[in-house]
Protein backbone atom coordinates (compact mmCIF):
# COMPACT_ATOMS: atom_id res chain seq x y z
CA UNK A 1 -5.42 1.66 30.89
CA UNK A 2 -7.25 4.77 31.70
CA UNK A 3 -10.71 5.67 29.81
CA UNK A 4 -11.00 6.47 26.53
CA UNK A 5 -13.17 9.81 27.48
CA UNK A 6 -9.57 10.84 29.25
CA UNK A 7 -7.02 9.79 26.65
CA UNK A 8 -8.79 11.50 23.60
CA UNK A 9 -10.00 14.97 24.99
CA UNK A 10 -8.31 16.94 22.66
CA UNK A 11 -7.36 15.71 18.73
CA UNK A 12 -4.07 16.02 18.52
CA UNK A 13 -2.43 14.30 15.65
CA UNK A 14 1.40 15.35 16.17
CA UNK A 15 0.81 13.16 19.90
CA UNK A 16 -1.24 10.15 18.33
CA UNK A 17 1.14 9.58 16.23
CA UNK A 18 3.53 9.58 18.69
CA UNK A 19 1.48 6.85 20.64
CA UNK A 20 1.29 5.09 17.63
CA UNK A 21 4.94 4.65 17.26
CA UNK A 22 5.62 4.29 20.74
CA UNK A 23 3.26 1.60 20.26
CA UNK A 24 5.05 0.10 17.39
CA UNK A 25 7.89 0.10 19.12
CA UNK A 26 6.75 -1.71 21.84
CA UNK A 27 6.15 -4.50 20.28
CA UNK A 28 8.96 -5.44 18.04
CA UNK A 29 11.20 -7.92 19.76
CA UNK A 30 13.53 -9.52 17.65
CA UNK A 31 14.00 -13.26 18.78
CA UNK A 32 10.37 -14.15 17.43
CA UNK A 33 10.07 -15.04 13.32
CA UNK A 34 7.77 -12.33 13.27
CA UNK A 35 9.26 -9.01 14.01
CA UNK A 36 5.53 -7.28 15.12
CA UNK A 37 2.86 -8.57 16.48
CA UNK A 38 0.61 -9.31 13.62
CA UNK A 39 -3.26 -10.07 13.14
CA UNK A 40 -4.40 -13.16 12.39
CA UNK A 41 -2.77 -13.47 8.09
CA UNK A 42 -0.19 -13.80 9.75
CA UNK A 43 -0.10 -17.22 9.78
CA UNK A 44 -2.28 -17.89 6.63
CA UNK A 45 -0.04 -17.57 4.74
CA UNK A 46 3.49 -18.96 3.30
CA UNK A 47 5.27 -15.47 3.91
CA UNK A 48 2.53 -14.11 6.22
CA UNK A 49 5.12 -13.73 9.63
CA UNK A 50 7.13 -12.11 7.74
CA UNK A 51 5.68 -9.97 4.15
CA UNK A 52 4.45 -6.21 3.86
CA UNK A 53 0.52 -7.51 3.91
CA UNK A 54 0.92 -9.00 7.23
CA UNK A 55 4.49 -9.69 8.51
CA UNK A 56 7.53 -8.10 10.10
CA UNK A 57 8.29 -6.20 6.96
CA UNK A 58 5.46 -3.63 6.77
CA UNK A 59 6.76 -2.50 10.33
CA UNK A 60 9.86 -2.62 9.32
CA UNK A 61 8.80 0.02 6.61
CA UNK A 62 6.80 2.12 8.66
CA UNK A 63 9.40 2.75 10.66
CA UNK A 64 11.38 3.55 8.31
CA UNK A 65 8.21 6.33 6.92
CA UNK A 66 8.23 8.32 10.62
CA UNK A 67 12.29 7.91 11.38
CA UNK A 68 12.12 5.27 13.70
CA UNK A 69 14.01 2.55 12.18
CA UNK A 70 15.90 1.38 14.79
CA UNK A 71 18.57 -1.74 16.22
CA UNK A 72 15.92 -4.16 17.13
CA UNK A 73 14.78 -3.99 14.15
CA UNK A 74 17.94 -4.23 12.06
CA UNK A 75 18.78 -6.74 14.54
CA UNK A 76 15.61 -9.04 14.17
CA UNK A 77 16.86 -8.49 10.23
CA UNK A 78 19.92 -9.98 10.06
CA UNK A 79 18.37 -13.11 12.41
CA UNK A 80 15.75 -13.76 9.36
CA UNK A 81 17.52 -13.12 6.34
CA UNK A 82 19.14 -15.77 5.06
CA UNK A 83 15.57 -17.47 5.53
CA UNK A 84 14.04 -14.65 3.91
CA UNK A 85 16.16 -14.43 0.96
CA UNK A 86 16.86 -18.75 0.19
CA UNK A 87 13.51 -19.76 1.42
CA UNK A 88 11.08 -20.52 -0.98
CA UNK A 89 8.09 -17.98 -0.35
CA UNK A 90 5.79 -16.61 -2.73
CA UNK A 91 7.15 -13.94 -4.82
CA UNK A 92 5.10 -11.34 -4.81
CA UNK A 93 4.65 -8.01 -3.61
CA UNK A 94 2.81 -7.33 -0.22
CA UNK A 95 2.06 -11.00 0.16
CA UNK A 96 5.71 -11.76 -0.64
CA UNK A 97 9.45 -10.92 -1.33
CA UNK A 98 9.09 -8.65 -4.04
CA UNK A 99 7.92 -6.14 -1.52
CA UNK A 100 10.12 -7.57 0.67
CA UNK A 101 13.55 -6.69 -1.79
CA UNK A 102 12.17 -2.97 -1.94
CA UNK A 103 12.37 -3.10 1.87
CA UNK A 104 15.41 -4.48 2.02
CA UNK A 105 17.08 -1.84 0.36
CA UNK A 106 15.70 0.30 1.53
CA UNK A 107 16.81 -0.46 4.94
CA UNK A 108 20.69 -0.50 3.86
CA UNK A 109 20.79 -4.70 2.91
CA UNK A 110 21.36 -3.74 -0.90
CA UNK A 111 23.55 -6.41 -2.23
CA UNK A 112 21.06 -9.03 -0.62
CA UNK A 113 17.94 -6.73 -2.00
CA UNK A 114 19.62 -7.34 -5.36
CA UNK A 115 20.35 -11.20 -4.93
CA UNK A 116 16.58 -11.06 -3.98
CA UNK A 117 15.29 -9.44 -7.41
CA UNK A 118 17.46 -10.92 -9.63
CA UNK A 119 16.06 -14.46 -8.36
CA UNK A 120 13.04 -12.96 -8.15
CA UNK A 121 13.51 -12.59 -11.61
CA UNK A 122 14.40 -16.22 -12.90
CA UNK A 123 11.15 -17.66 -11.35
CA UNK A 124 8.21 -15.19 -11.82
CA UNK A 125 5.56 -16.98 -14.52
CA UNK A 126 5.06 -14.12 -17.27
CA UNK A 127 1.70 -16.59 -18.37
CA UNK A 128 0.74 -15.82 -14.88
CA UNK A 129 -3.00 -15.60 -14.10
CA UNK A 130 -3.04 -13.44 -11.48
CA UNK A 131 -2.48 -9.84 -13.05
CA UNK A 132 -2.84 -7.79 -9.58
CA UNK A 133 -0.08 -5.43 -7.42
CA UNK A 134 -1.19 -7.92 -4.49
CA UNK A 135 0.69 -11.39 -5.31
CA UNK A 136 0.83 -11.11 -9.53
CA UNK A 137 2.51 -10.37 -12.20
CA UNK A 138 2.03 -6.02 -11.89
CA UNK A 139 3.71 -5.33 -8.25
CA UNK A 140 6.62 -8.36 -9.55
CA UNK A 141 6.80 -5.44 -12.06
CA UNK A 142 6.44 -2.42 -10.01
CA UNK A 143 9.41 -4.10 -7.59
CA UNK A 144 11.69 -4.96 -11.13
CA UNK A 145 11.51 -1.32 -11.90
CA UNK A 146 11.82 0.44 -8.63
CA UNK A 147 15.05 -1.59 -8.42
CA UNK A 148 16.35 -0.72 -12.03
CA UNK A 149 15.91 2.65 -10.59
CA UNK A 150 17.67 2.86 -7.53
CA UNK A 151 20.80 0.34 -9.81
CA UNK A 152 20.27 1.13 -13.47
CA UNK A 153 20.71 -2.57 -14.12
CA UNK A 154 19.33 -3.14 -17.12
CA UNK A 155 18.48 -6.79 -17.13
CA UNK A 156 15.44 -5.44 -14.08
CA UNK A 157 14.47 -3.12 -16.23
CA UNK A 158 14.33 -5.20 -19.17
CA UNK A 159 12.38 -7.83 -16.98
CA UNK A 160 9.73 -5.69 -16.49
CA UNK A 161 9.05 -4.29 -20.01
CA UNK A 162 8.54 -7.87 -20.31
CA UNK A 163 5.54 -8.39 -17.70
CA UNK A 164 4.23 -4.71 -18.83
CA UNK A 165 4.04 -5.86 -22.53
CA UNK A 166 1.58 -9.29 -21.09
CA UNK A 167 -0.02 -6.65 -18.90
CA UNK A 168 -0.69 -4.41 -21.75
CA UNK A 169 -1.58 -7.51 -24.16
CA UNK A 170 -4.76 -9.01 -20.94
CA UNK A 171 -5.76 -6.15 -20.21
CA UNK A 172 -6.49 -5.03 -24.13
CA UNK A 173 -8.57 -8.57 -24.26
CA UNK A 174 -10.22 -9.39 -21.43
CA UNK A 175 -13.22 -8.39 -19.66
CA UNK A 176 -12.59 -8.56 -16.14
CA UNK A 177 -9.88 -9.60 -14.09
CA UNK A 178 -9.57 -13.40 -12.64
CA UNK A 179 -9.30 -12.91 -8.45
CA UNK A 180 -5.68 -13.08 -7.29
CA UNK A 181 -3.86 -15.78 -5.63
CA UNK A 182 -5.41 -13.90 -1.70
CA UNK A 183 -8.46 -15.37 -0.84
CA UNK A 184 -9.84 -11.06 -0.28
CA UNK A 185 -8.99 -10.61 -4.20
CA UNK A 186 -11.99 -8.79 -5.44
CA UNK A 187 -10.85 -8.26 -9.22
CA UNK A 188 -10.93 -4.39 -8.16
CA UNK A 189 -8.80 -1.38 -7.48
CA UNK A 190 -5.41 -0.84 -6.39
CA UNK A 191 -4.55 -4.17 -4.13
CA UNK A 192 -6.89 -6.80 -7.11
CA UNK A 193 -7.63 -5.03 -9.81
CA UNK A 194 -6.63 -3.11 -12.71
CA UNK A 195 -5.81 0.49 -10.90
CA UNK A 196 -2.16 -1.55 -9.32
CA UNK A 197 -2.38 -2.36 -13.05
CA UNK A 198 -2.27 1.50 -13.81
CA UNK A 199 0.09 2.24 -11.61
CA UNK A 200 2.60 0.01 -12.21
CA UNK A 201 2.94 0.84 -15.54
CA UNK A 202 3.06 4.67 -15.21
CA UNK A 203 6.02 3.83 -12.78
CA UNK A 204 7.47 2.09 -15.19
CA UNK A 205 6.25 5.40 -17.61
CA UNK A 206 8.34 7.27 -15.33
CA UNK A 207 11.42 5.60 -15.53
CA UNK A 208 11.71 5.33 -19.50
CA UNK A 209 9.53 8.06 -21.20
CA UNK A 210 7.97 5.73 -23.03
CA UNK A 211 4.68 6.59 -23.88
CA UNK A 212 3.38 3.32 -25.21
CA UNK A 213 3.60 3.20 -21.37
CA UNK A 214 1.39 6.63 -20.61
CA UNK A 215 -1.17 5.52 -23.05
CA UNK A 216 -1.94 1.27 -21.46
CA UNK A 217 -1.36 2.95 -18.17
CA UNK A 218 -3.81 4.90 -18.61
CA UNK A 219 -6.52 2.28 -20.46
CA UNK A 220 -6.05 0.20 -17.40
CA UNK A 221 -6.71 2.85 -15.17
CA UNK A 222 -10.34 3.39 -17.41
CA UNK A 223 -11.61 -0.22 -16.63
CA UNK A 224 -11.70 0.50 -12.95
CA UNK A 225 -13.23 3.76 -13.43
CA UNK A 226 -16.07 2.31 -15.88
CA UNK A 227 -16.91 0.44 -12.20
CA UNK A 228 -17.36 4.02 -10.48
CA UNK A 229 -20.91 4.37 -9.43
CA UNK A 230 -22.30 7.47 -7.12
CA UNK A 231 -23.83 6.38 -3.89
CA UNK A 232 -27.44 6.89 -4.01
CA UNK A 233 -26.74 8.64 0.07
CA UNK A 234 -23.97 10.88 -0.21
CA UNK A 235 -23.09 11.25 -4.57
CA UNK A 236 -20.00 10.32 -3.55
CA UNK A 237 -17.98 7.65 -6.03
CA UNK A 238 -17.30 4.18 -5.08
CA UNK A 239 -16.81 1.07 -7.32
CA UNK A 240 -19.35 -1.26 -7.84
CA UNK A 241 -18.76 -5.30 -6.93
CA UNK A 242 -20.11 -8.35 -8.73
CA UNK A 243 -22.79 -8.30 -5.77
CA UNK A 244 -23.60 -4.69 -6.05
CA UNK A 245 -22.10 -3.62 -3.02
CA UNK A 246 -20.06 -0.24 -2.81
CA UNK A 247 -16.28 -0.12 -2.23
CA UNK A 248 -14.83 3.13 -1.15
CA UNK A 249 -11.47 1.57 0.62
CA UNK A 250 -7.59 2.05 -0.15
CA UNK A 251 -7.01 -1.66 -1.44
CA UNK A 252 -10.15 -2.78 -3.64
CA UNK A 253 -12.16 0.62 -3.20
CA UNK A 254 -12.51 4.07 -5.05
CA UNK A 255 -10.03 5.66 -3.06
CA UNK A 256 -7.57 3.45 -4.20
CA UNK A 257 -8.21 4.66 -8.31
CA UNK A 258 -8.12 8.12 -6.45
CA UNK A 259 -4.45 7.83 -5.64
CA UNK A 260 -3.28 6.11 -8.94
CA UNK A 261 -5.38 8.81 -10.93
CA UNK A 262 -3.54 11.78 -8.54
CA UNK A 263 -0.13 9.62 -9.22
CA UNK A 264 -0.43 10.12 -12.92
CA UNK A 265 -0.84 13.57 -13.22
CA UNK A 266 1.65 14.40 -11.00
CA UNK A 267 4.04 12.30 -13.22
CA UNK A 268 2.43 13.85 -16.45
CA UNK A 269 1.74 17.11 -14.88
CA UNK A 270 -1.74 16.71 -16.39
CA UNK A 271 -5.40 16.88 -14.63
CA UNK A 272 -7.16 13.72 -15.48
CA UNK A 273 -10.19 13.23 -13.91
CA UNK A 274 -10.60 16.13 -11.47
CA UNK A 275 -14.11 16.26 -11.78
CA UNK A 276 -14.44 12.30 -10.35
CA UNK A 277 -11.40 13.15 -7.91
CA UNK A 278 -13.60 15.59 -6.29
CA UNK A 279 -16.64 13.19 -6.45
CA UNK A 280 -14.53 10.51 -4.32
CA UNK A 281 -13.09 12.57 -1.72
CA UNK A 282 -16.73 12.97 -0.81
CA UNK A 283 -15.89 10.17 0.64
CA UNK A 284 -14.13 12.43 3.36
CA UNK A 285 -17.55 12.56 5.03
CA UNK A 286 -17.99 9.51 5.75
CA UNK A 287 -18.88 8.59 9.46
CA UNK A 288 -17.78 5.11 10.14
CA UNK A 289 -16.42 1.88 8.93
CA UNK A 290 -16.37 -1.49 10.33
CA UNK A 291 -12.68 -1.49 11.56
CA UNK A 292 -9.91 1.18 11.87
CA UNK A 293 -7.57 -0.46 9.25
CA UNK A 294 -5.54 1.21 6.09
CA UNK A 295 -7.05 -1.68 3.50
CA UNK A 296 -9.97 -2.32 3.89
CA UNK A 297 -10.80 0.45 6.74
CA UNK A 298 -10.98 3.45 8.51
CA UNK A 299 -7.50 4.65 8.59
CA UNK A 300 -7.60 4.24 4.71
CA UNK A 301 -9.99 7.03 4.16
CA UNK A 302 -6.29 9.73 5.38
CA UNK A 303 -5.74 9.12 1.69
CA UNK A 304 -8.12 11.27 0.79
CA UNK A 305 -6.10 14.04 1.28
CA UNK A 306 -3.38 13.48 -1.25
CA UNK A 307 -5.82 14.11 -3.66
CA UNK A 308 -7.75 16.50 -1.56
CA UNK A 309 -7.98 20.28 -0.69
CA UNK A 310 -9.93 19.60 2.10
CA UNK A 311 -7.29 20.53 5.12
CA UNK A 312 -10.52 18.96 7.94
CA UNK A 313 -9.58 15.36 6.01
CA UNK A 314 -6.99 13.88 8.31
CA UNK A 315 -8.44 15.90 11.95
CA UNK A 316 -12.01 14.85 10.53
CA UNK A 317 -10.80 11.25 9.51
CA UNK A 318 -8.60 10.44 13.12
CA UNK A 319 -11.63 12.02 15.31
CA UNK A 320 -14.04 9.21 14.16
CA UNK A 321 -10.65 6.77 14.73
CA UNK A 322 -10.48 7.26 18.51
CA UNK A 323 -13.56 5.14 18.91
CA UNK A 324 -11.29 2.48 17.78
CA UNK A 325 -8.16 3.23 19.32
CA UNK A 326 -7.53 1.67 22.64
CA UNK A 327 -4.62 2.94 25.57
CA UNK A 328 -3.21 5.41 27.54
CA UNK A 329 -1.08 9.21 27.41
CA UNK A 330 1.76 6.84 26.06
CA UNK A 331 0.20 4.09 23.62
CA UNK A 332 -2.31 3.98 21.48
CA UNK A 333 -3.04 -0.30 20.04
CA UNK A 334 -5.42 -0.58 16.86
CA UNK A 335 -7.61 -3.46 17.35
CA UNK A 336 -7.28 -6.03 13.58
CA UNK A 337 -9.10 -7.59 11.92
CA UNK A 338 -13.11 -8.23 13.69
CA UNK A 339 -11.48 -7.02 16.90
CA UNK A 340 -10.22 -10.47 17.68
CA UNK A 341 -6.48 -9.10 18.83
CA UNK A 342 -4.21 -6.28 18.83
CA UNK A 343 -2.02 -5.69 15.70
CA UNK A 344 0.27 -3.94 14.74
CA UNK A 345 0.59 -4.84 11.06
CA UNK A 346 0.19 -2.87 7.51
CA UNK A 347 -3.19 -4.10 7.01
CA UNK A 348 -5.54 -4.54 9.52
CA UNK A 349 -2.64 -2.48 12.51
CA UNK A 350 -0.69 0.17 13.60
CA UNK A 351 1.60 0.19 11.16
CA UNK A 352 -0.72 0.76 7.77
CA UNK A 353 -2.40 3.26 9.98
CA UNK A 354 0.90 5.26 10.58
CA UNK A 355 1.86 4.81 6.30
CA UNK A 356 -1.68 6.32 6.66
CA UNK A 357 -0.84 9.47 8.33
CA UNK A 358 2.40 9.97 6.59
CA UNK A 359 0.93 9.97 3.38
CA UNK A 360 -1.91 12.02 3.60
CA UNK A 361 0.52 14.63 5.80
CA UNK A 362 2.61 15.03 2.67
CA UNK A 363 -0.43 14.74 0.23
CA UNK A 364 2.23 11.80 -1.04
CA UNK A 365 0.27 9.36 -2.70
CA UNK A 366 2.99 6.60 -2.96
CA UNK A 367 4.33 7.40 0.24
CA UNK A 368 3.04 3.35 1.43
CA UNK A 369 5.35 2.22 -1.33
CA UNK A 370 9.23 1.02 -0.38
CA UNK A 371 11.31 2.39 -2.51
CA UNK A 372 9.46 5.53 -3.17
CA UNK A 373 11.85 7.91 -3.92
CA UNK A 374 13.24 6.04 -6.82
CA UNK A 375 10.37 5.25 -8.08
CA UNK A 376 8.65 9.04 -8.42
CA UNK A 377 11.67 11.55 -7.94
CA UNK A 378 9.04 14.08 -9.95
CA UNK A 379 7.31 14.29 -6.37
CA UNK A 380 10.46 16.07 -4.66
CA UNK A 381 9.61 18.75 -6.88
CA UNK A 382 5.56 18.75 -6.23
CA UNK A 383 6.57 19.89 -2.27
CA UNK A 384 5.34 16.41 -1.53
CA UNK A 385 7.61 14.54 -0.51
């Protein structure tokens, strides 16, 4: 390692991205159960070594997005795929097999991905109290509609619609969401709140042109919008949680809400909540966060560039991010949760930083989703992919 000042004499986006990719590639190991050294949460859940959030498939997705997918990653999938397809893991989107199936499809494992989705469509619980994208019904629905658009299998669309009807009914009757299965779930925002439900429903609307899903998406989003509060410090809009904390983050904060607003606007050629987006974008001036990760940390602030016209968002975020990154002229390592270890995963590590980076540079709010080209074909006409 060399001195921090020597590594960052100049903030160069291309150089930082290249060194992050080098670090991710150097961390790949096809001989271990997980492709990468992830954060501690890799070992906390049944599918943590594999899933999008904490495991190897989050890294695979980042490799695919940065055109860095290689033989080591492919060999790891080949070594693990029987266990993944047939293993009794949870079926969540970020937490389990739904997200893995979508990533497998994108990596070229078409038959295995379809087989997994058929299996998932037969075992999910329509009465599950977990409605989240991270680990519940909204995420399973998102995976189903994604796979439908890729394969045109109407059995997948049928199940996605069934989930949508269950979610619509619950959104209309619940005062607040229950927390999801993840211990960090706080029933707000993109991964664990109404915004995630809204995202699934707008993607389903994009696939079907059925107006009921657009209306339901807007209704779900409004429930999170009602929890936004302006910061007394800078006027930025943030989600207010039950402990009276203002939450700006990608996972459970207003940045994730902004991502969903932007997705709805592009997919419907609309201008919903434009004033609120301007106030959420004020978060680009946040001086610092506790951690660098994409979900609850600083690199997630790069997503602001997806709904802001300020070209300095990426540069300013990277400038602050360099306070956390450790490395040399070839590699940059991302400290994980509480700085206990370096992490390459999507939640807290290198894969997440890269996916936030790619999304911000392309101004595509859904680039972090596997199979996004099938989901958001209209984004091509917006010249954001």
